[in-house]
Amino acid sequence: MDIIIFIFLCYQNYIRAKRIGQNPTKWVFFTLGALFLGMTLGTLFVYALLYKKPLLTIDDYNAFVVFCTQPYRMLLIYGIGFGGYLWIRTRLEKLMQLAAKQSDEEDETA
């Protein structure tokens, strides 16, 4: 399921980058990096603030299963990861606005 969501989000940014004349492949990699970085930071955040037991115990597997079965924790991780996508999307939209302003200025001078 994660792969499908990642592909969809990368495709959305691919289209945006192609529309403004940027290198779309570069922005796909930026999107993937932001998604993974956001999910990593989300995992660290959840572990640091919401996990009350020591991380390295004899029952590490059981602790991981308990951690993953509580849906609000996983939703928080995905939400923070989605924030990475939104950050890249915002950067692309700013580039789109700059490109539109430049084209408008060129039309006015012509």
Protein backbone atom coordinates (compact mmCIF):
# COMPACT_ATOMS: atom_id res chain seq x y z
CA MET A 1 0.00 0.00 0.00
CA ASP A 2 2.84 2.38 0.78
CA ILE A 3 4.39 1.88 -2.63
CA ILE A 4 1.13 2.80 -4.38
CA ILE A 5 0.82 5.99 -2.35
CA PHE A 6 4.48 6.89 -2.94
CA ILE A 7 4.12 6.33 -6.70
CA PHE A 8 0.98 8.47 -6.83
CA LEU A 9 2.56 11.34 -4.89
CA CYS A 10 5.74 11.20 -6.99
CA TYR A 11 3.65 11.21 -10.16
CA GLN A 12 1.79 14.30 -8.99
CA ASN A 13 5.06 16.17 -8.47
CA TYR A 14 6.41 14.78 -11.76
CA ILE A 15 3.51 16.43 -13.59
CA ARG A 16 3.99 19.72 -11.74
CA ALA A 17 7.73 19.80 -12.50
CA LYS A 18 7.17 18.96 -16.16
CA ARG A 19 4.57 21.72 -16.45
CA ILE A 20 7.05 24.41 -15.36
CA GLY A 21 9.98 23.08 -17.37
CA GLN A 22 12.02 21.64 -14.48
CA ASN A 23 13.73 18.25 -14.56
CA PRO A 24 10.88 15.93 -13.43
CA THR A 25 13.15 13.05 -12.43
CA LYS A 26 15.01 15.28 -10.00
CA TRP A 27 11.74 16.29 -8.35
CA VAL A 28 10.61 12.65 -8.10
CA PHE A 29 13.78 11.85 -6.16
CA PHE A 30 13.28 14.93 -4.00
CA THR A 31 9.73 13.76 -3.27
CA LEU A 32 10.86 10.25 -2.35
CA GLY A 33 13.61 11.63 -0.15
CA ALA A 34 11.20 13.98 1.61
CA LEU A 35 8.68 11.18 2.16
CA PHE A 36 11.28 8.84 3.63
CA LEU A 37 12.87 11.57 5.70
CA GLY A 38 9.48 12.63 7.02
CA MET A 39 8.54 9.07 7.92
CA THR A 40 11.91 8.55 9.61
CA LEU A 41 11.49 11.72 11.63
CA GLY A 42 7.94 10.67 12.45
CA THR A 43 9.14 7.30 13.70
CA LEU A 44 11.81 8.92 15.85
CA PHE A 45 9.24 11.38 17.19
CA VAL A 46 6.80 8.61 18.09
CA TYR A 47 9.51 6.52 19.71
CA ALA A 48 10.88 9.44 21.69
CA LEU A 49 7.63 10.85 22.97
CA LEU A 50 5.03 8.09 22.94
CA TYR A 51 6.92 4.89 23.65
CA LYS A 52 7.29 4.38 27.39
CA LYS A 53 9.27 1.10 27.60
CA PRO A 54 13.00 0.66 27.00
CA LEU A 55 13.74 0.01 23.34
CA LEU A 56 16.27 -2.78 23.78
CA THR A 57 14.72 -5.61 25.75
CA ILE A 58 14.48 -9.34 25.33
CA ASP A 59 11.06 -9.00 23.71
CA ASP A 60 12.02 -6.59 20.94
CA TYR A 61 9.77 -8.31 18.43
CA ASN A 62 6.76 -8.20 20.76
CA ALA A 63 7.44 -4.53 21.50
CA PHE A 64 7.51 -3.79 17.77
CA VAL A 65 4.23 -5.66 17.21
CA VAL A 66 2.57 -3.74 20.03
CA PHE A 67 3.93 -0.50 18.60
CA CYS A 68 2.60 -1.19 15.10
CA THR A 69 -0.82 -2.39 16.22
CA GLN A 70 -1.77 0.97 17.70
CA PRO A 71 -3.14 2.84 14.70
CA TYR A 72 -2.75 6.39 15.97
CA ARG A 73 1.01 5.95 16.10
CA MET A 74 1.21 4.72 12.53
CA LEU A 75 -1.14 7.48 11.37
CA LEU A 76 1.13 10.03 13.02
CA ILE A 77 4.15 8.59 11.22
CA TYR A 78 2.33 8.68 7.86
CA GLY A 79 1.07 12.19 8.58
CA ILE A 80 4.57 13.50 9.22
CA GLY A 81 5.79 11.69 6.08
CA PHE A 82 3.00 13.34 4.08
CA GLY A 83 4.27 16.66 5.40
CA GLY A 84 7.51 16.00 3.49
CA TYR A 85 5.51 15.60 0.29
CA LEU A 86 3.63 18.82 0.99
CA TRP A 87 6.91 20.65 1.51
CA ILE A 88 8.20 19.57 -1.92
CA ARG A 89 4.84 20.39 -3.49
CA THR A 90 4.97 23.89 -2.00
CA ARG A 91 8.44 24.41 -3.44
CA LEU A 92 7.17 23.38 -6.89
CA GLU A 93 4.16 25.68 -6.65
CA LYS A 94 6.43 28.60 -5.78
CA LEU A 95 8.52 27.80 -8.84
CA MET A 96 5.32 27.70 -10.91
CA GLN A 97 4.36 31.17 -9.65
CA LEU A 98 7.81 32.53 -10.46
CA ALA A 99 7.65 31.05 -13.95
CA ALA A 100 4.21 32.58 -14.48
CA LYS A 101 5.43 36.02 -13.36
CA GLN A 102 8.42 35.83 -15.68
CA SER A 103 6.26 34.86 -18.64
CA ASP A 104 3.85 37.71 -17.84
CA GLU A 105 6.75 40.18 -17.70
CA GLU A 106 8.05 38.92 -21.04
CA ASP A 107 4.60 39.33 -22.60
CA GLU A 108 4.33 42.90 -21.30
CA THR A 109 7.71 43.88 -22.74
CA ALA A 110 6.97 42.35 -26.14
